[in-house]
């Protein structure tokens, strides 16, 4: 659960609607963008353990 000031939530809701996203989708997008811009985005693994089993 995320607690957000009602005025901020209303602005977020409008922003999301303007970009054809849900509020959740807009939050995810904004967080991901901030992580990338700050250089804090976790690096994705190129493969999962099942794809490259050790022999």
C-alpha atoms as a PDB file:
ATOM      1  CA  UNK A   1       0.000   0.000   0.000  1.00  0.00           C
ATOM      2  CA  UNK A   2       1.206   3.469  -0.820  1.00  0.00           C
ATOM      3  CA  UNK A   3      -0.042   6.539   1.008  1.00  0.00           C
ATOM      4  CA  UNK A   4      -0.219   9.621  -1.165  1.00  0.00           C
ATOM      5  CA  UNK A   5      -1.566  13.074  -0.472  1.00  0.00           C
ATOM      6  CA  UNK A   6      -4.998  13.316  -2.191  1.00  0.00           C
ATOM      7  CA  UNK A   7      -3.955  16.365  -4.249  1.00  0.00           C
ATOM      8  CA  UNK A   8      -0.839  14.546  -5.480  1.00  0.00           C
ATOM      9  CA  UNK A   9      -2.909  11.454  -6.283  1.00  0.00           C
ATOM     10  CA  UNK A  10      -5.368  13.517  -8.335  1.00  0.00           C
ATOM     11  CA  UNK A  11      -2.492  15.068 -10.305  1.00  0.00           C
ATOM     12  CA  UNK A  12      -0.984  11.610 -10.823  1.00  0.00           C
ATOM     13  CA  UNK A  13      -4.346  10.249 -11.956  1.00  0.00           C
ATOM     14  CA  UNK A  14      -4.686  13.022 -14.550  1.00  0.00           C
ATOM     15  CA  UNK A  15      -1.090  12.553 -15.736  1.00  0.00           C
ATOM     16  CA  UNK A  16      -1.676   8.805 -16.128  1.00  0.00           C
ATOM     17  CA  UNK A  17      -4.920   9.365 -18.035  1.00  0.00           C
ATOM     18  CA  UNK A  18      -3.208  11.878 -20.342  1.00  0.00           C
ATOM     19  CA  UNK A  19      -0.666   9.184 -21.255  1.00  0.00           C
ATOM     20  CA  UNK A  20      -3.216   6.332 -21.462  1.00  0.00           C
ATOM     21  CA  UNK A  21      -1.775   4.525 -18.439  1.00  0.00           C
ATOM     22  CA  UNK A  22      -3.189   3.333 -15.166  1.00  0.00           C
ATOM     23  CA  UNK A  23      -2.002   5.093 -12.013  1.00  0.00           C
ATOM     24  CA  UNK A  24       0.029   1.977 -11.197  1.00  0.00           C
ATOM     25  CA  UNK A  25       1.554   1.961 -14.685  1.00  0.00           C
ATOM     26  CA  UNK A  26       2.393   5.653 -14.420  1.00  0.00           C
ATOM     27  CA  UNK A  27       4.092   5.136 -11.053  1.00  0.00           C
ATOM     28  CA  UNK A  28       6.091   2.212 -12.434  1.00  0.00           C
ATOM     29  CA  UNK A  29       7.144   4.264 -15.461  1.00  0.00           C
ATOM     30  CA  UNK A  30       8.169   7.262 -13.328  1.00  0.00           C
ATOM     31  CA  UNK A  31      10.115   5.105 -10.872  1.00  0.00           C
ATOM     32  CA  UNK A  32      11.903   3.228 -13.658  1.00  0.00           C
ATOM     33  CA  UNK A  33      12.776   6.525 -15.379  1.00  0.00           C
ATOM     34  CA  UNK A  34      14.156   7.972 -12.136  1.00  0.00           C
ATOM     35  CA  UNK A  35      16.202   4.815 -11.495  1.00  0.00           C
ATOM     36  CA  UNK A  36      17.697   4.924 -14.996  1.00  0.00           C
ATOM     37  CA  UNK A  37      18.479   8.647 -14.808  1.00  0.00           C
ATOM     38  CA  UNK A  38      20.184   8.231 -11.429  1.00  0.00           C
ATOM     39  CA  UNK A  39      22.199   5.221 -12.583  1.00  0.00           C
ATOM     40  CA  UNK A  40      20.502   3.009  -9.996  1.00  0.00           C
ATOM     41  CA  UNK A  41      18.532   0.732 -12.326  1.00  0.00           C
ATOM     42  CA  UNK A  42      19.388  -2.897 -11.559  1.00  0.00           C
ATOM     43  CA  UNK A  43      21.104  -4.661 -14.428  1.00  0.00           C
ATOM     44  CA  UNK A  44      19.103  -7.429 -16.063  1.00  0.00           C
ATOM     45  CA  UNK A  45      20.623 -10.894 -16.174  1.00  0.00           C
ATOM     46  CA  UNK A  46      21.321 -12.147 -19.693  1.00  0.00           C
ATOM     47  CA  UNK A  47      19.990 -15.614 -18.871  1.00  0.00           C
ATOM     48  CA  UNK A  48      18.238 -17.540 -16.179  1.00  0.00           C
ATOM     49  CA  UNK A  49      19.853 -20.555 -14.491  1.00  0.00           C
ATOM     50  CA  UNK A  50      17.554 -22.893 -16.446  1.00  0.00           C
ATOM     51  CA  UNK A  51      18.740 -21.497 -19.783  1.00  0.00           C
ATOM     52  CA  UNK A  52      22.447 -22.019 -19.069  1.00  0.00           C
ATOM     53  CA  UNK A  53      22.812 -24.957 -16.709  1.00  0.00           C
ATOM     54  CA  UNK A  54      26.331 -25.630 -15.503  1.00  0.00           C
ATOM     55  CA  UNK A  55      27.725 -28.952 -16.709  1.00  0.00           C
END
